[in-house]
Amino acid sequence: MSRTNKDLLVTGLKHLAFTVFLMFTAPLILWQAFKNQEHFLFWPVCILGIVIAFYAVFMGFKGIQTIVNAVFGKKKK
C-alpha cells in the first residue's frame, strides 16, 4: 500500500487556498466593473474579472487533481 505524498498534498492545498482567494476576488472585480459601466475602463476591468473567474475554476480543478494524485498516486499505464 502506497503512502500519501505529503509534498504534493501541500502543493494541492496551496492551489485550493489560492482558488478561494480568486473566488472572492473575481466577483468583486466584476461587481465593480458593472457598477461603473459608463467609465472608460469598463471593458478592461470586466475582461480582467472574467479571466480571473476562469482562472479560479482552472486552479480549483488543478488543486483537486493534485490532491487526488497525492493520496492515490499517479495512474500507471
N, C-alpha and C. Protein backbone atom coordinates (compact mmCIF):
# COMPACT_ATOMS: atom_id res chain seq x y z
N MET A 1 0.85 -1.18 0.00
CA MET A 1 0.00 0.00 0.00
C MET A 1 0.89 1.24 0.00
N SER A 2 0.58 2.14 -0.90
CA SER A 2 1.40 3.35 -1.00
C SER A 2 0.98 4.38 0.03
N ARG A 3 1.91 5.25 0.36
CA ARG A 3 1.65 6.29 1.34
C ARG A 3 1.35 7.59 0.62
N THR A 4 0.81 8.54 1.36
CA THR A 4 0.46 9.84 0.80
C THR A 4 1.73 10.66 0.60
N ASN A 5 1.84 11.27 -0.57
CA ASN A 5 2.96 12.16 -0.87
C ASN A 5 2.64 13.52 -0.23
N LYS A 6 3.29 13.80 0.89
CA LYS A 6 2.95 15.00 1.67
C LYS A 6 3.32 16.29 0.94
N ASP A 7 4.42 16.29 0.19
CA ASP A 7 4.80 17.49 -0.55
C ASP A 7 3.77 17.82 -1.63
N LEU A 8 3.30 16.81 -2.31
CA LEU A 8 2.29 17.00 -3.34
C LEU A 8 0.95 17.42 -2.72
N LEU A 9 0.64 16.88 -1.55
CA LEU A 9 -0.58 17.25 -0.85
C LEU A 9 -0.55 18.72 -0.43
N VAL A 10 0.57 19.19 0.07
CA VAL A 10 0.71 20.59 0.46
C VAL A 10 0.58 21.49 -0.76
N THR A 11 1.15 21.08 -1.88
CA THR A 11 1.02 21.85 -3.12
C THR A 11 -0.45 21.95 -3.55
N GLY A 12 -1.18 20.85 -3.45
CA GLY A 12 -2.60 20.86 -3.80
C GLY A 12 -3.41 21.75 -2.88
N LEU A 13 -3.09 21.74 -1.60
CA LEU A 13 -3.80 22.60 -0.66
C LEU A 13 -3.48 24.08 -0.90
N LYS A 14 -2.26 24.38 -1.32
CA LYS A 14 -1.91 25.75 -1.68
C LYS A 14 -2.69 26.21 -2.91
N HIS A 15 -2.85 25.31 -3.87
CA HIS A 15 -3.65 25.63 -5.06
C HIS A 15 -5.09 25.94 -4.66
N LEU A 16 -5.64 25.14 -3.75
CA LEU A 16 -7.02 25.37 -3.32
C LEU A 16 -7.15 26.65 -2.50
N ALA A 17 -6.15 26.98 -1.71
CA ALA A 17 -6.19 28.24 -0.96
C ALA A 17 -6.15 29.43 -1.91
N PHE A 18 -5.34 29.34 -2.95
CA PHE A 18 -5.29 30.40 -3.95
C PHE A 18 -6.62 30.48 -4.70
N THR A 19 -7.26 29.34 -4.92
CA THR A 19 -8.56 29.30 -5.58
C THR A 19 -9.61 30.05 -4.76
N VAL A 20 -9.59 29.85 -3.45
CA VAL A 20 -10.55 30.55 -2.58
C VAL A 20 -10.34 32.05 -2.68
N PHE A 21 -9.09 32.49 -2.69
CA PHE A 21 -8.80 33.91 -2.86
C PHE A 21 -9.35 34.44 -4.18
N LEU A 22 -9.14 33.69 -5.26
CA LEU A 22 -9.63 34.11 -6.58
C LEU A 22 -11.15 34.07 -6.65
N MET A 23 -11.78 33.15 -5.92
CA MET A 23 -13.23 33.04 -5.94
C MET A 23 -13.90 34.25 -5.29
N PHE A 24 -13.21 34.92 -4.39
CA PHE A 24 -13.74 36.15 -3.81
C PHE A 24 -13.33 37.38 -4.61
N THR A 25 -12.16 37.32 -5.24
CA THR A 25 -11.65 38.47 -5.98
C THR A 25 -12.40 38.69 -7.29
N ALA A 26 -12.65 37.63 -8.04
CA ALA A 26 -13.28 37.76 -9.36
C ALA A 26 -14.68 38.38 -9.28
N PRO A 27 -15.57 37.93 -8.41
CA PRO A 27 -16.88 38.58 -8.35
C PRO A 27 -16.80 40.04 -7.88
N LEU A 28 -15.84 40.33 -7.01
CA LEU A 28 -15.67 41.71 -6.56
C LEU A 28 -15.26 42.61 -7.72
N ILE A 29 -14.34 42.15 -8.54
CA ILE A 29 -13.90 42.93 -9.70
C ILE A 29 -15.05 43.08 -10.70
N LEU A 30 -15.79 42.01 -10.94
CA LEU A 30 -16.91 42.10 -11.88
C LEU A 30 -18.00 43.03 -11.35
N TRP A 31 -18.25 43.00 -10.05
CA TRP A 31 -19.24 43.89 -9.46
C TRP A 31 -18.82 45.34 -9.63
N GLN A 32 -17.55 45.63 -9.42
CA GLN A 32 -17.06 46.99 -9.60
C GLN A 32 -17.16 47.42 -11.06
N ALA A 33 -16.90 46.51 -11.96
CA ALA A 33 -16.99 46.84 -13.38
C ALA A 33 -18.44 47.16 -13.77
N PHE A 34 -19.38 46.34 -13.36
CA PHE A 34 -20.77 46.57 -13.75
C PHE A 34 -21.40 47.74 -12.99
N LYS A 35 -20.83 48.09 -11.86
CA LYS A 35 -21.32 49.24 -11.12
C LYS A 35 -20.92 50.55 -11.84
N ASN A 36 -19.83 50.52 -12.56
CA ASN A 36 -19.30 51.71 -13.24
C ASN A 36 -19.29 51.50 -14.75
N GLN A 37 -20.43 51.21 -15.33
CA GLN A 37 -20.48 50.90 -16.76
C GLN A 37 -20.17 52.09 -17.65
N GLU A 38 -20.39 53.29 -17.17
CA GLU A 38 -20.13 54.47 -18.01
C GLU A 38 -18.66 54.88 -17.99
N HIS A 39 -17.86 54.26 -17.12
CA HIS A 39 -16.44 54.60 -17.03
C HIS A 39 -15.69 54.05 -18.24
N PHE A 40 -14.62 54.74 -18.65
CA PHE A 40 -13.91 54.32 -19.85
C PHE A 40 -13.09 53.03 -19.64
N LEU A 41 -12.86 52.63 -18.41
CA LEU A 41 -12.14 51.38 -18.14
C LEU A 41 -13.09 50.20 -17.87
N PHE A 42 -14.35 50.34 -18.26
CA PHE A 42 -15.33 49.28 -18.01
C PHE A 42 -14.90 47.97 -18.66
N TRP A 43 -14.59 48.00 -19.95
CA TRP A 43 -14.28 46.76 -20.65
C TRP A 43 -12.99 46.09 -20.16
N PRO A 44 -11.90 46.83 -19.96
CA PRO A 44 -10.71 46.14 -19.43
C PRO A 44 -10.93 45.51 -18.05
N VAL A 45 -11.65 46.20 -17.18
CA VAL A 45 -11.90 45.66 -15.84
C VAL A 45 -12.85 44.46 -15.93
N CYS A 46 -13.84 44.52 -16.79
CA CYS A 46 -14.77 43.40 -16.97
C CYS A 46 -14.04 42.17 -17.52
N ILE A 47 -13.19 42.38 -18.49
CA ILE A 47 -12.42 41.26 -19.06
C ILE A 47 -11.47 40.69 -18.02
N LEU A 48 -10.85 41.54 -17.21
CA LEU A 48 -9.97 41.06 -16.14
C LEU A 48 -10.75 40.21 -15.14
N GLY A 49 -11.94 40.61 -14.77
CA GLY A 49 -12.76 39.84 -13.85
C GLY A 49 -13.15 38.48 -14.42
N ILE A 50 -13.48 38.45 -15.70
CA ILE A 50 -13.84 37.19 -16.34
C ILE A 50 -12.65 36.25 -16.43
N VAL A 51 -11.48 36.78 -16.76
CA VAL A 51 -10.27 35.96 -16.83
C VAL A 51 -9.92 35.40 -15.45
N ILE A 52 -10.03 36.22 -14.42
CA ILE A 52 -9.75 35.74 -13.06
C ILE A 52 -10.76 34.68 -12.65
N ALA A 53 -12.01 34.82 -13.05
CA ALA A 53 -13.03 33.80 -12.72
C ALA A 53 -12.70 32.46 -13.38
N PHE A 54 -12.32 32.50 -14.65
CA PHE A 54 -11.94 31.25 -15.33
C PHE A 54 -10.67 30.65 -14.72
N TYR A 55 -9.73 31.50 -14.32
CA TYR A 55 -8.51 31.02 -13.70
C TYR A 55 -8.81 30.38 -12.34
N ALA A 56 -9.81 30.90 -11.63
CA ALA A 56 -10.20 30.31 -10.35
C ALA A 56 -10.74 28.90 -10.55
N VAL A 57 -11.55 28.72 -11.58
CA VAL A 57 -12.08 27.38 -11.88
C VAL A 57 -10.95 26.44 -12.25
N PHE A 58 -10.02 26.92 -13.09
CA PHE A 58 -8.89 26.09 -13.51
C PHE A 58 -8.03 25.70 -12.30
N MET A 59 -7.75 26.65 -11.42
CA MET A 59 -6.92 26.35 -10.25
C MET A 59 -7.64 25.41 -9.29
N GLY A 60 -8.97 25.49 -9.23
CA GLY A 60 -9.73 24.55 -8.41
C GLY A 60 -9.58 23.12 -8.90
N PHE A 61 -9.74 22.93 -10.21
CA PHE A 61 -9.56 21.59 -10.78
C PHE A 61 -8.13 21.11 -10.61
N LYS A 62 -7.17 22.00 -10.81
CA LYS A 62 -5.77 21.64 -10.68
C LYS A 62 -5.44 21.25 -9.24
N GLY A 63 -5.99 21.98 -8.27
CA GLY A 63 -5.74 21.66 -6.87
C GLY A 63 -6.34 20.32 -6.47
N ILE A 64 -7.58 20.07 -6.90
CA ILE A 64 -8.22 18.79 -6.59
C ILE A 64 -7.48 17.63 -7.25
N GLN A 65 -7.04 17.83 -8.49
CA GLN A 65 -6.29 16.80 -9.19
C GLN A 65 -4.97 16.51 -8.48
N THR A 66 -4.31 17.54 -8.01
CA THR A 66 -3.05 17.36 -7.30
C THR A 66 -3.26 16.62 -5.98
N ILE A 67 -4.32 16.93 -5.27
CA ILE A 67 -4.61 16.24 -4.01
C ILE A 67 -4.93 14.77 -4.26
N VAL A 68 -5.71 14.50 -5.29
CA VAL A 68 -6.04 13.11 -5.62
C VAL A 68 -4.78 12.34 -6.00
N ASN A 69 -3.88 12.97 -6.76
CA ASN A 69 -2.62 12.31 -7.12
C ASN A 69 -1.75 12.09 -5.88
N ALA A 70 -1.81 12.99 -4.91
CA ALA A 70 -1.01 12.83 -3.69
C ALA A 70 -1.53 11.67 -2.84
N VAL A 71 -2.84 11.53 -2.77
CA VAL A 71 -3.42 10.50 -1.91
C VAL A 71 -3.38 9.13 -2.59
N PHE A 72 -3.77 9.05 -3.85
CA PHE A 72 -3.89 7.76 -4.52
C PHE A 72 -2.73 7.44 -5.45
N GLY A 73 -1.87 8.38 -5.75
CA GLY A 73 -0.76 8.14 -6.66
C GLY A 73 -1.18 8.36 -8.10
N LYS A 74 -0.19 8.50 -8.95
CA LYS A 74 -0.47 8.71 -10.38
C LYS A 74 -0.89 7.39 -11.01
N LYS A 75 -1.69 7.49 -12.07
CA LYS A 75 -2.13 6.29 -12.78
C LYS A 75 -0.94 5.68 -13.52
N LYS A 76 -0.83 4.38 -13.45
CA LYS A 76 0.22 3.67 -14.17
C LYS A 76 -0.35 3.12 -15.46
N LYS A 77 0.39 3.28 -16.53
CA LYS A 77 -0.09 2.80 -17.83
C LYS A 77 0.36 1.39 -18.09
